[in-house]
Amino acid sequence: MDCKEFNGLIQDFLHDRLDEMKLSEFLSHIEECEDCRDELRIQYLIYEGLERLEAGATFDVDKDLADYMQLQRKRLSSRQGIKMTAIASEIITTAAFVIVLFVVLFYQ
């Protein structure tokens, strides 16, 4: 992912609209690119910070953004875990079907 593509995904990231693949790429890029981290910080401040400040709530952009990033990492990990569980279930179901089919054909 390059910086231009990253910048185009910031709003989708902040609104939790990235699919698993894009989210993974986004999180990887943010770890490597200081310029993009700065741009994300600015947009997060605008997106989340102004709303909170207008409501009279306190806002620590660095802490709150770090918390949001951690939440997104957990969501990604959870999505990947669910995907792996689904794949494992399909494999087990298919294996069980093959075994039953083999037993039925073998004992006829």
PDB file of N, CA and C in Angstrom:
ATOM      1  N   MET A   1       0.858  -1.170   0.000  1.00  0.00           N
ATOM      2  CA  MET A   1       0.000   0.000   0.000  1.00  0.00           C
ATOM      3  C   MET A   1       0.903   1.231   0.000  1.00  0.00           C
ATOM      4  N   ASP A   2       0.602   2.155  -0.875  1.00  0.00           N
ATOM      5  CA  ASP A   2       1.373   3.397  -0.882  1.00  0.00           C
ATOM      6  C   ASP A   2       0.620   4.474  -0.088  1.00  0.00           C
ATOM      7  N   CYS A   3       1.287   5.587   0.126  1.00  0.00           N
ATOM      8  CA  CYS A   3       0.718   6.658   0.960  1.00  0.00           C
ATOM      9  C   CYS A   3      -0.555   7.249   0.359  1.00  0.00           C
ATOM     10  N   LYS A   4      -0.608   7.367  -0.946  1.00  0.00           N
ATOM     11  CA  LYS A   4      -1.800   7.927  -1.592  1.00  0.00           C
ATOM     12  C   LYS A   4      -3.016   7.025  -1.335  1.00  0.00           C
ATOM     13  N   GLU A   5      -2.830   5.727  -1.515  1.00  0.00           N
ATOM     14  CA  GLU A   5      -3.926   4.782  -1.256  1.00  0.00           C
ATOM     15  C   GLU A   5      -4.307   4.810   0.222  1.00  0.00           C
ATOM     16  N   PHE A   6      -3.300   4.861   1.091  1.00  0.00           N
ATOM     17  CA  PHE A   6      -3.541   4.929   2.533  1.00  0.00           C
ATOM     18  C   PHE A   6      -4.414   6.130   2.885  1.00  0.00           C
ATOM     19  N   ASN A   7      -4.033   7.295   2.374  1.00  0.00           N
ATOM     20  CA  ASN A   7      -4.798   8.512   2.674  1.00  0.00           C
ATOM     21  C   ASN A   7      -6.236   8.402   2.194  1.00  0.00           C
ATOM     22  N   GLY A   8      -6.444   7.700   1.089  1.00  0.00           N
ATOM     23  CA  GLY A   8      -7.791   7.510   0.586  1.00  0.00           C
ATOM     24  C   GLY A   8      -8.639   6.584   1.441  1.00  0.00           C
ATOM     25  N   LEU A   9      -7.994   5.809   2.308  1.00  0.00           N
ATOM     26  CA  LEU A   9      -8.717   4.853   3.154  1.00  0.00           C
ATOM     27  C   LEU A   9      -8.940   5.334   4.583  1.00  0.00           C
ATOM     28  N   ILE A  10      -8.375   6.472   4.929  1.00  0.00           N
ATOM     29  CA  ILE A  10      -8.469   6.930   6.321  1.00  0.00           C
ATOM     30  C   ILE A  10      -9.917   7.082   6.768  1.00  0.00           C
ATOM     31  N   GLN A  11     -10.756   7.715   5.971  1.00  0.00           N
ATOM     32  CA  GLN A  11     -12.149   7.897   6.382  1.00  0.00           C
ATOM     33  C   GLN A  11     -12.874   6.552   6.527  1.00  0.00           C
ATOM     34  N   ASP A  12     -12.599   5.625   5.612  1.00  0.00           N
ATOM     35  CA  ASP A  12     -13.202   4.290   5.750  1.00  0.00           C
ATOM     36  C   ASP A  12     -12.711   3.609   7.023  1.00  0.00           C
ATOM     37  N   PHE A  13     -11.448   3.792   7.354  1.00  0.00           N
ATOM     38  CA  PHE A  13     -10.896   3.226   8.591  1.00  0.00           C
ATOM     39  C   PHE A  13     -11.595   3.834   9.805  1.00  0.00           C
ATOM     40  N   LEU A  14     -11.726   5.138   9.817  1.00  0.00           N
ATOM     41  CA  LEU A  14     -12.335   5.803  10.964  1.00  0.00           C
ATOM     42  C   LEU A  14     -13.812   5.452  11.123  1.00  0.00           C
ATOM     43  N   HIS A  15     -14.466   5.078  10.031  1.00  0.00           N
ATOM     44  CA  HIS A  15     -15.879   4.684  10.080  1.00  0.00           C
ATOM     45  C   HIS A  15     -16.043   3.167  10.106  1.00  0.00           C
ATOM     46  N   ASP A  16     -14.943   2.440  10.311  1.00  0.00           N
ATOM     47  CA  ASP A  16     -14.945   0.971  10.413  1.00  0.00           C
ATOM     48  C   ASP A  16     -15.577   0.312   9.186  1.00  0.00           C
ATOM     49  N   ARG A  17     -15.144   0.767   7.994  1.00  0.00           N
ATOM     50  CA  ARG A  17     -15.688   0.238   6.747  1.00  0.00           C
ATOM     51  C   ARG A  17     -14.656  -0.507   5.904  1.00  0.00           C
ATOM     52  N   LEU A  18     -13.527  -0.892   6.491  1.00  0.00           N
ATOM     53  CA  LEU A  18     -12.515  -1.626   5.725  1.00  0.00           C
ATOM     54  C   LEU A  18     -12.725  -3.118   5.883  1.00  0.00           C
ATOM     55  N   ASP A  19     -12.597  -3.837   4.767  1.00  0.00           N
ATOM     56  CA  ASP A  19     -12.674  -5.286   4.870  1.00  0.00           C
ATOM     57  C   ASP A  19     -11.382  -5.804   5.515  1.00  0.00           C
ATOM     58  N   GLU A  20     -11.362  -7.076   5.784  1.00  0.00           N
ATOM     59  CA  GLU A  20     -10.234  -7.682   6.497  1.00  0.00           C
ATOM     60  C   GLU A  20      -8.894  -7.429   5.803  1.00  0.00           C
ATOM     61  N   MET A  21      -8.857  -7.603   4.501  1.00  0.00           N
ATOM     62  CA  MET A  21      -7.600  -7.433   3.774  1.00  0.00           C
ATOM     63  C   MET A  21      -7.108  -5.984   3.818  1.00  0.00           C
ATOM     64  N   LYS A  22      -8.003  -5.048   3.536  1.00  0.00           N
ATOM     65  CA  LYS A  22      -7.630  -3.630   3.541  1.00  0.00           C
ATOM     66  C   LYS A  22      -7.242  -3.174   4.948  1.00  0.00           C
ATOM     67  N   LEU A  23      -7.959  -3.658   5.954  1.00  0.00           N
ATOM     68  CA  LEU A  23      -7.639  -3.294   7.329  1.00  0.00           C
ATOM     69  C   LEU A  23      -6.247  -3.785   7.702  1.00  0.00           C
ATOM     70  N   SER A  24      -5.920  -4.990   7.320  1.00  0.00           N
ATOM     71  CA  SER A  24      -4.598  -5.538   7.594  1.00  0.00           C
ATOM     72  C   SER A  24      -3.506  -4.708   6.908  1.00  0.00           C
ATOM     73  N   GLU A  25      -3.719  -4.380   5.644  1.00  0.00           N
ATOM     74  CA  GLU A  25      -2.760  -3.553   4.914  1.00  0.00           C
ATOM     75  C   GLU A  25      -2.637  -2.163   5.543  1.00  0.00           C
ATOM     76  N   PHE A  26      -3.772  -1.599   5.921  1.00  0.00           N
ATOM     77  CA  PHE A  26      -3.801  -0.270   6.533  1.00  0.00           C
ATOM     78  C   PHE A  26      -2.994  -0.266   7.825  1.00  0.00           C
ATOM     79  N   LEU A  27      -3.249  -1.239   8.694  1.00  0.00           N
ATOM     80  CA  LEU A  27      -2.554  -1.307   9.974  1.00  0.00           C
ATOM     81  C   LEU A  27      -1.062  -1.554   9.797  1.00  0.00           C
ATOM     82  N   SER A  28      -0.695  -2.345   8.810  1.00  0.00           N
ATOM     83  CA  SER A  28       0.721  -2.582   8.530  1.00  0.00           C
ATOM     84  C   SER A  28       1.396  -1.299   8.053  1.00  0.00           C
ATOM     85  N   HIS A  29       0.729  -0.584   7.166  1.00  0.00           N
ATOM     86  CA  HIS A  29       1.314   0.639   6.628  1.00  0.00           C
ATOM     87  C   HIS A  29       1.499   1.696   7.721  1.00  0.00           C
ATOM     88  N   ILE A  30       0.531   1.820   8.593  1.00  0.00           N
ATOM     89  CA  ILE A  30       0.599   2.844   9.637  1.00  0.00           C
ATOM     90  C   ILE A  30       1.772   2.591  10.570  1.00  0.00           C
ATOM     91  N   GLU A  31       2.148   1.336  10.738  1.00  0.00           N
ATOM     92  CA  GLU A  31       3.294   1.007  11.587  1.00  0.00           C
ATOM     93  C   GLU A  31       4.604   1.460  10.952  1.00  0.00           C
ATOM     94  N   GLU A  32       4.646   1.522   9.628  1.00  0.00           N
ATOM     95  CA  GLU A  32       5.885   1.803   8.904  1.00  0.00           C
ATOM     96  C   GLU A  32       6.062   3.254   8.485  1.00  0.00           C
ATOM     97  N   CYS A  33       4.989   4.006   8.362  1.00  0.00           N
ATOM     98  CA  CYS A  33       5.061   5.321   7.714  1.00  0.00           C
ATOM     99  C   CYS A  33       4.683   6.450   8.674  1.00  0.00           C
ATOM    100  N   GLU A  34       5.667   7.220   9.050  1.00  0.00           N
ATOM    101  CA  GLU A  34       5.433   8.328   9.982  1.00  0.00           C
ATOM    102  C   GLU A  34       4.539   9.415   9.379  1.00  0.00           C
ATOM    103  N   ASP A  35       4.718   9.704   8.083  1.00  0.00           N
ATOM    104  CA  ASP A  35       3.887  10.721   7.432  1.00  0.00           C
ATOM    105  C   ASP A  35       2.414  10.332   7.470  1.00  0.00           C
ATOM    106  N   CYS A  36       2.137   9.066   7.228  1.00  0.00           N
ATOM    107  CA  CYS A  36       0.748   8.605   7.241  1.00  0.00           C
ATOM    108  C   CYS A  36       0.187   8.562   8.658  1.00  0.00           C
ATOM    109  N   ARG A  37       1.039   8.254   9.633  1.00  0.00           N
ATOM    110  CA  ARG A  37       0.581   8.321  11.028  1.00  0.00           C
ATOM    111  C   ARG A  37       0.180   9.753  11.378  1.00  0.00           C
ATOM    112  N   ASP A  38       0.960  10.717  10.918  1.00  0.00           N
ATOM    113  CA  ASP A  38       0.620  12.115  11.172  1.00  0.00           C
ATOM    114  C   ASP A  38      -0.700  12.494  10.505  1.00  0.00           C
ATOM    115  N   GLU A  39      -0.888  12.045   9.250  1.00  0.00           N
ATOM    116  CA  GLU A  39      -2.140  12.348   8.540  1.00  0.00           C
ATOM    117  C   GLU A  39      -3.331  11.692   9.231  1.00  0.00           C
ATOM    118  N   LEU A  40      -3.171  10.457   9.675  1.00  0.00           N
ATOM    119  CA  LEU A  40      -4.240   9.778  10.408  1.00  0.00           C
ATOM    120  C   LEU A  40      -4.554  10.533  11.696  1.00  0.00           C
ATOM    121  N   ARG A  41      -3.536  10.976  12.393  1.00  0.00           N
ATOM    122  CA  ARG A  41      -3.730  11.726  13.639  1.00  0.00           C
ATOM    123  C   ARG A  41      -4.537  12.997  13.376  1.00  0.00           C
ATOM    124  N   ILE A  42      -4.197  13.713  12.324  1.00  0.00           N
ATOM    125  CA  ILE A  42      -4.915  14.946  11.984  1.00  0.00           C
ATOM    126  C   ILE A  42      -6.376  14.649  11.664  1.00  0.00           C
ATOM    127  N   GLN A  43      -6.602  13.649  10.829  1.00  0.00           N
ATOM    128  CA  GLN A  43      -7.987  13.336  10.449  1.00  0.00           C
ATOM    129  C   GLN A  43      -8.781  12.773  11.629  1.00  0.00           C
ATOM    130  N   TYR A  44      -8.115  12.014  12.502  1.00  0.00           N
ATOM    131  CA  TYR A  44      -8.795  11.507  13.693  1.00  0.00           C
ATOM    132  C   TYR A  44      -9.189  12.671  14.603  1.00  0.00           C
ATOM    133  N   LEU A  45      -8.298  13.637  14.730  1.00  0.00           N
ATOM    134  CA  LEU A  45      -8.594  14.817  15.537  1.00  0.00           C
ATOM    135  C   LEU A  45      -9.826  15.540  14.997  1.00  0.00           C
ATOM    136  N   ILE A  46      -9.893  15.678  13.696  1.00  0.00           N
ATOM    137  CA  ILE A  46     -11.046  16.339  13.074  1.00  0.00           C
ATOM    138  C   ILE A  46     -12.304  15.488  13.238  1.00  0.00           C
ATOM    139  N   TYR A  47     -12.187  14.192  12.937  1.00  0.00           N
ATOM    140  CA  TYR A  47     -13.343  13.289  12.950  1.00  0.00           C
ATOM    141  C   TYR A  47     -13.909  13.096  14.353  1.00  0.00           C
ATOM    142  N   GLU A  48     -13.045  12.774  15.285  1.00  0.00           N
ATOM    143  CA  GLU A  48     -13.497  12.405  16.623  1.00  0.00           C
ATOM    144  C   GLU A  48     -13.338  13.547  17.627  1.00  0.00           C
ATOM    145  N   GLY A  49     -12.215  14.218  17.557  1.00  0.00           N
ATOM    146  CA  GLY A  49     -11.893  15.224  18.565  1.00  0.00           C
ATOM    147  C   GLY A  49     -12.828  16.407  18.589  1.00  0.00           C
ATOM    148  N   LEU A  50     -13.115  16.969  17.444  1.00  0.00           N
ATOM    149  CA  LEU A  50     -13.989  18.141  17.413  1.00  0.00           C
ATOM    150  C   LEU A  50     -15.381  17.818  17.946  1.00  0.00           C
ATOM    151  N   GLU A  51     -15.869  16.626  17.594  1.00  0.00           N
ATOM    152  CA  GLU A  51     -17.194  16.223  18.083  1.00  0.00           C
ATOM    153  C   GLU A  51     -17.204  16.129  19.608  1.00  0.00           C
ATOM    154  N   ARG A  52     -16.161  15.527  20.155  1.00  0.00           N
ATOM    155  CA  ARG A  52     -16.089  15.395  21.622  1.00  0.00           C
ATOM    156  C   ARG A  52     -15.917  16.744  22.308  1.00  0.00           C
ATOM    157  N   LEU A  53     -15.060  17.560  21.750  1.00  0.00           N
ATOM    158  CA  LEU A  53     -14.837  18.873  22.360  1.00  0.00           C
ATOM    159  C   LEU A  53     -16.088  19.732  22.323  1.00  0.00           C
ATOM    160  N   GLU A  54     -16.847  19.646  21.218  1.00  0.00           N
ATOM    161  CA  GLU A  54     -18.101  20.386  21.128  1.00  0.00           C
ATOM    162  C   GLU A  54     -19.114  19.897  22.148  1.00  0.00           C
ATOM    163  N   ALA A  55     -19.035  18.606  22.474  1.00  0.00           N
ATOM    164  CA  ALA A  55     -19.944  18.037  23.466  1.00  0.00           C
ATOM    165  C   ALA A  55     -19.466  18.303  24.893  1.00  0.00           C
ATOM    166  N   GLY A  56     -18.290  18.932  25.005  1.00  0.00           N
ATOM    167  CA  GLY A  56     -17.773  19.238  26.325  1.00  0.00           C
ATOM    168  C   GLY A  56     -16.974  18.113  26.954  1.00  0.00           C
ATOM    169  N   ALA A  57     -16.702  17.070  26.210  1.00  0.00           N
ATOM    170  CA  ALA A  57     -15.933  15.939  26.719  1.00  0.00           C
ATOM    171  C   ALA A  57     -14.442  16.208  26.544  1.00  0.00           C
ATOM    172  N   THR A  58     -13.668  15.561  27.366  1.00  0.00           N
ATOM    173  CA  THR A  58     -12.218  15.692  27.221  1.00  0.00           C
ATOM    174  C   THR A  58     -11.741  14.795  26.086  1.00  0.00           C
ATOM    175  N   PHE A  59     -10.586  15.137  25.565  1.00  0.00           N
ATOM    176  CA  PHE A  59     -10.073  14.400  24.414  1.00  0.00           C
ATOM    177  C   PHE A  59      -8.551  14.440  24.423  1.00  0.00           C
ATOM    178  N   ASP A  60      -7.942  13.271  24.428  1.00  0.00           N
ATOM    179  CA  ASP A  60      -6.490  13.128  24.311  1.00  0.00           C
ATOM    180  C   ASP A  60      -6.260  12.406  22.994  1.00  0.00           C
ATOM    181  N   VAL A  61      -5.943  13.147  21.955  1.00  0.00           N
ATOM    182  CA  VAL A  61      -5.877  12.584  20.610  1.00  0.00           C
ATOM    183  C   VAL A  61      -4.921  11.397  20.528  1.00  0.00           C
ATOM    184  N   ASP A  62      -3.765  11.503  21.165  1.00  0.00           N
ATOM    185  CA  ASP A  62      -2.796  10.411  21.061  1.00  0.00           C
ATOM    186  C   ASP A  62      -3.279   9.155  21.782  1.00  0.00           C
ATOM    187  N   LYS A  63      -3.786   9.312  22.984  1.00  0.00           N
ATOM    188  CA  LYS A  63      -4.280   8.151  23.731  1.00  0.00           C
ATOM    189  C   LYS A  63      -5.514   7.559  23.059  1.00  0.00           C
ATOM    190  N   ASP A  64      -6.451   8.412  22.695  1.00  0.00           N
ATOM    191  CA  ASP A  64      -7.689   7.917  22.093  1.00  0.00           C
ATOM    192  C   ASP A  64      -7.436   7.248  20.747  1.00  0.00           C
ATOM    193  N   LEU A  65      -6.528   7.806  19.946  1.00  0.00           N
ATOM    194  CA  LEU A  65      -6.199   7.174  18.669  1.00  0.00           C
ATOM    195  C   LEU A  65      -5.497   5.848  18.894  1.00  0.00           C
ATOM    196  N   ALA A  66      -4.595   5.787  19.875  1.00  0.00           N
ATOM    197  CA  ALA A  66      -3.925   4.522  20.196  1.00  0.00           C
ATOM    198  C   ALA A  66      -4.948   3.476  20.636  1.00  0.00           C
ATOM    199  N   ASP A  67      -5.922   3.885  21.434  1.00  0.00           N
ATOM    200  CA  ASP A  67      -6.985   2.967  21.868  1.00  0.00           C
ATOM    201  C   ASP A  67      -7.800   2.486  20.670  1.00  0.00           C
ATOM    202  N   TYR A  68      -8.122   3.402  19.746  1.00  0.00           N
ATOM    203  CA  TYR A  68      -8.895   3.026  18.562  1.00  0.00           C
ATOM    204  C   TYR A  68      -8.099   2.064  17.674  1.00  0.00           C
ATOM    205  N   MET A  69      -6.809   2.328  17.536  1.00  0.00           N
ATOM    206  CA  MET A  69      -5.962   1.439  16.738  1.00  0.00           C
ATOM    207  C   MET A  69      -5.925   0.038  17.363  1.00  0.00           C
ATOM    208  N   GLN A  70      -5.813  -0.020  18.695  1.00  0.00           N
ATOM    209  CA  GLN A  70      -5.797  -1.313  19.380  1.00  0.00           C
ATOM    210  C   GLN A  70      -7.126  -2.037  19.185  1.00  0.00           C
ATOM    211  N   LEU A  71      -8.221  -1.316  19.261  1.00  0.00           N
ATOM    212  CA  LEU A  71      -9.536  -1.912  19.019  1.00  0.00           C
ATOM    213  C   LEU A  71      -9.603  -2.497  17.612  1.00  0.00           C
ATOM    214  N   GLN A  72      -9.096  -1.775  16.625  1.00  0.00           N
ATOM    215  CA  GLN A  72      -9.117  -2.260  15.250  1.00  0.00           C
ATOM    216  C   GLN A  72      -8.237  -3.504  15.094  1.00  0.00           C
ATOM    217  N   ARG A  73      -7.095  -3.540  15.775  1.00  0.00           N
ATOM    218  CA  ARG A  73      -6.242  -4.737  15.729  1.00  0.00           C
ATOM    219  C   ARG A  73      -6.972  -5.937  16.321  1.00  0.00           C
ATOM    220  N   LYS A  74      -7.670  -5.725  17.421  1.00  0.00           N
ATOM    221  CA  LYS A  74      -8.442  -6.803  18.045  1.00  0.00           C
ATOM    222  C   LYS A  74      -9.560  -7.271  17.115  1.00  0.00           C
ATOM    223  N   ARG A  75     -10.233  -6.342  16.467  1.00  0.00           N
ATOM    224  CA  ARG A  75     -11.300  -6.708  15.526  1.00  0.00           C
ATOM    225  C   ARG A  75     -10.737  -7.519  14.365  1.00  0.00           C
ATOM    226  N   LEU A  76      -9.585  -7.112  13.867  1.00  0.00           N
ATOM    227  CA  LEU A  76      -8.952  -7.846  12.774  1.00  0.00           C
ATOM    228  C   LEU A  76      -8.600  -9.255  13.231  1.00  0.00           C
ATOM    229  N   SER A  77      -8.012  -9.367  14.398  1.00  0.00           N
ATOM    230  CA  SER A  77      -7.652 -10.674  14.932  1.00  0.00           C
ATOM    231  C   SER A  77      -8.892 -11.547  15.117  1.00  0.00           C
ATOM    232  N   SER A  78      -9.959 -10.942  15.614  1.00  0.00           N
ATOM    233  CA  SER A  78     -11.216 -11.672  15.809  1.00  0.00           C
ATOM    234  C   SER A  78     -11.788 -12.139  14.478  1.00  0.00           C
ATOM    235  N   ARG A  79     -11.780 -11.249  13.473  1.00  0.00           N
ATOM    236  CA  ARG A  79     -12.285 -11.611  12.143  1.00  0.00           C
ATOM    237  C   ARG A  79     -11.480 -12.767  11.565  1.00  0.00           C
ATOM    238  N   GLN A  80     -10.157 -12.709  11.735  1.00  0.00           N
ATOM    239  CA  GLN A  80      -9.308 -13.767  11.208  1.00  0.00           C
ATOM    240  C   GLN A  80      -9.566 -15.073  11.944  1.00  0.00           C
ATOM    241  N   GLY A  81      -9.812 -14.983  13.260  1.00  0.00           N
ATOM    242  CA  GLY A  81     -10.124 -16.178  14.038  1.00  0.00           C
ATOM    243  C   GLY A  81     -11.435 -16.810  13.608  1.00  0.00           C
ATOM    244  N   ILE A  82     -12.428 -15.968  13.364  1.00  0.00           N
ATOM    245  CA  ILE A  82     -13.727 -16.466  12.903  1.00  0.00           C
ATOM    246  C   ILE A  82     -13.580 -17.123  11.535  1.00  0.00           C
ATOM    247  N   LYS A  83     -12.799 -16.504  10.663  1.00  0.00           N
ATOM    248  CA  LYS A  83     -12.581 -17.056   9.332  1.00  0.00           C
ATOM    249  C   LYS A  83     -11.903 -18.425   9.426  1.00  0.00           C
ATOM    250  N   MET A  84     -10.898 -18.537  10.283  1.00  0.00           N
ATOM    251  CA  MET A  84     -10.197 -19.815  10.436  1.00  0.00           C
ATOM    252  C   MET A  84     -11.119 -20.877  11.026  1.00  0.00           C
ATOM    253  N   THR A  85     -11.978 -20.487  11.954  1.00  0.00           N
ATOM    254  CA  THR A  85     -12.940 -21.424  12.532  1.00  0.00           C
ATOM    255  C   THR A  85     -13.912 -21.912  11.463  1.00  0.00           C
ATOM    256  N   ALA A  86     -14.360 -21.017  10.600  1.00  0.00           N
ATOM    257  CA  ALA A  86     -15.274 -21.398   9.522  1.00  0.00           C
ATOM    258  C   ALA A  86     -14.588 -22.364   8.550  1.00  0.00           C
ATOM    259  N   ILE A  87     -13.343 -22.080   8.229  1.00  0.00           N
ATOM    260  CA  ILE A  87     -12.603 -22.967   7.325  1.00  0.00           C
ATOM    261  C   ILE A  87     -12.419 -24.334   7.963  1.00  0.00           C
ATOM    262  N   ALA A  88     -12.057 -24.358   9.242  1.00  0.00           N
ATOM    263  CA  ALA A  88     -11.883 -25.632   9.945  1.00  0.00           C
ATOM    264  C   ALA A  88     -13.190 -26.412   9.981  1.00  0.00           C
ATOM    265  N   SER A  89     -14.301 -25.724  10.202  1.00  0.00           N
ATOM    266  CA  SER A  89     -15.614 -26.392  10.224  1.00  0.00           C
ATOM    267  C   SER A  89     -15.939 -27.004   8.865  1.00  0.00           C
ATOM    268  N   GLU A  90     -15.625 -26.263   7.791  1.00  0.00           N
ATOM    269  CA  GLU A  90     -15.870 -26.801   6.452  1.00  0.00           C
ATOM    270  C   GLU A  90     -15.011 -28.032   6.189  1.00  0.00           C
ATOM    271  N   ILE A  91     -13.782 -28.006   6.614  1.00  0.00           N
ATOM    272  CA  ILE A  91     -12.888 -29.160   6.420  1.00  0.00           C
ATOM    273  C   ILE A  91     -13.401 -30.360   7.199  1.00  0.00           C
ATOM    274  N   ILE A  92     -13.804 -30.144   8.440  1.00  0.00           N
ATOM    275  CA  ILE A  92     -14.315 -31.245   9.267  1.00  0.00           C
ATOM    276  C   ILE A  92     -15.598 -31.809   8.667  1.00  0.00           C
ATOM    277  N   THR A  93     -16.482 -30.937   8.229  1.00  0.00           N
ATOM    278  CA  THR A  93     -17.737 -31.390   7.612  1.00  0.00           C
ATOM    279  C   THR A  93     -17.472 -32.194   6.348  1.00  0.00           C
ATOM    280  N   THR A  94     -16.570 -31.715   5.531  1.00  0.00           N
ATOM    281  CA  THR A  94     -16.234 -32.427   4.293  1.00  0.00           C
ATOM    282  C   THR A  94     -15.597 -33.771   4.606  1.00  0.00           C
ATOM    283  N   ALA A  95     -14.690 -33.806   5.573  1.00  0.00           N
ATOM    284  CA  ALA A  95     -14.043 -35.062   5.954  1.00  0.00           C
ATOM    285  C   ALA A  95     -15.066 -36.051   6.492  1.00  0.00           C
ATOM    286  N   ALA A  96     -15.996 -35.575   7.308  1.00  0.00           N
ATOM    287  CA  ALA A  96     -17.033 -36.458   7.848  1.00  0.00           C
ATOM    288  C   ALA A  96     -17.902 -37.011   6.726  1.00  0.00           C
ATOM    289  N   PHE A  97     -18.242 -36.169   5.753  1.00  0.00           N
ATOM    290  CA  PHE A  97     -19.035 -36.616   4.625  1.00  0.00           C
ATOM    291  C   PHE A  97     -18.303 -37.700   3.834  1.00  0.00           C
ATOM    292  N   VAL A  98     -17.023 -37.492   3.591  1.00  0.00           N
ATOM    293  CA  VAL A  98     -16.225 -38.470   2.844  1.00  0.00           C
ATOM    294  C   VAL A  98     -16.157 -39.782   3.610  1.00  0.00           C
ATOM    295  N   ILE A  99     -15.976 -39.724   4.915  1.00  0.00           N
ATOM    296  CA  ILE A  99     -15.910 -40.948   5.728  1.00  0.00           C
ATOM    297  C   ILE A  99     -17.235 -41.686   5.675  1.00  0.00           C
ATOM    298  N   VAL A 100     -18.336 -40.969   5.847  1.00  0.00           N
ATOM    299  CA  VAL A 100     -19.657 -41.601   5.792  1.00  0.00           C
ATOM    300  C   VAL A 100     -19.891 -42.206   4.414  1.00  0.00           C
ATOM    301  N   LEU A 101     -19.559 -41.477   3.382  1.00  0.00           N
ATOM    302  CA  LEU A 101     -19.715 -41.974   2.024  1.00  0.00           C
ATOM    303  C   LEU A 101     -18.878 -43.236   1.808  1.00  0.00           C
ATOM    304  N   PHE A 102     -17.653 -43.235   2.279  1.00  0.00           N
ATOM    305  CA  PHE A 102     -16.781 -44.397   2.155  1.00  0.00           C
ATOM    306  C   PHE A 102     -17.373 -45.599   2.886  1.00  0.00           C
ATOM    307  N   VAL A 103     -17.860 -45.381   4.106  1.00  0.00           N
ATOM    308  CA  VAL A 103     -18.442 -46.471   4.896  1.00  0.00           C
ATOM    309  C   VAL A 103     -19.670 -47.028   4.192  1.00  0.00           C
ATOM    310  N   VAL A 104     -20.542 -46.170   3.698  1.00  0.00           N
ATOM    311  CA  VAL A 104     -21.751 -46.620   3.006  1.00  0.00           C
ATOM    312  C   VAL A 104     -21.385 -47.417   1.758  1.00  0.00           C
ATOM    313  N   LEU A 105     -20.464 -46.934   0.975  1.00  0.00           N
ATOM    314  CA  LEU A 105     -20.072 -47.636  -0.261  1.00  0.00           C
ATOM    315  C   LEU A 105     -19.312 -48.913   0.038  1.00  0.00           C
ATOM    316  N   PHE A 106     -18.486 -48.904   1.045  1.00  0.00           N
ATOM    317  CA  PHE A 106     -17.670 -50.066   1.385  1.00  0.00           C
ATOM    318  C   PHE A 106     -18.507 -51.210   1.948  1.00  0.00           C
ATOM    319  N   TYR A 107     -19.538 -50.885   2.720  1.00  0.00           N
ATOM    320  CA  TYR A 107     -20.347 -51.915   3.362  1.00  0.00           C
ATOM    321  C   TYR A 107     -21.602 -52.281   2.592  1.00  0.00           C
ATOM    322  N   GLN A 108     -21.730 -51.864   1.367  1.00  0.00           N
ATOM    323  CA  GLN A 108     -22.910 -52.250   0.587  1.00  0.00           C
ATOM    324  C   GLN A 108     -22.744 -53.617  -0.001  1.00  0.00           C
TER     325      GLN A 108
END
